[in-house]
């Protein structure tokens, strides 16, 4: 086995191990302390306005092809569950260019609010390390029902949403 192949196997193993560890971390801070810039409206959104609401929070980036693949699924979930009280929020990291993020959100037809995390506070509170996509499902009471690093299947998340008694 060549040195290149061994190095690649080691790197892939580390990424998988790290991804599994990060995906299970609970949030460290209360999200209601933070605000972010809405890409569509230009308003500053106080995250506290979502407190007590079930939320699907998805961290995405303009340079993440898997994030872009999830947009239609997240739009479907948003449309299917919005009348049942689910709030869907996209969070764009501070490393992304604001103007490009606004353009991508519009081009991809994101029907849910996407917020620009200018200072990285929301990402920090949710233990997002910058790896994406990263999706967090939060119950009405604030319990983390899913903390998934990487793409998720629609069936997996619908099972969780359907089982939430709050919806």
Foldseek 3Di string as FASTA:
>chain_A
DDPVVVVVVVVVVVVVVVQVVLLPDAFDDDQQVDWFAWLPPRDIGRCVVCQLFKEKEKEDEPPDPQRLVCQVLVQVVCVVCVVLGYAYEYEYELVHDSVSVSVSCVVSVRPHTYTYPNPCPNCNRGSNPPQDGWIWIAHSNGDTPGTHHGDDDSVVVVVVVVPRPSD
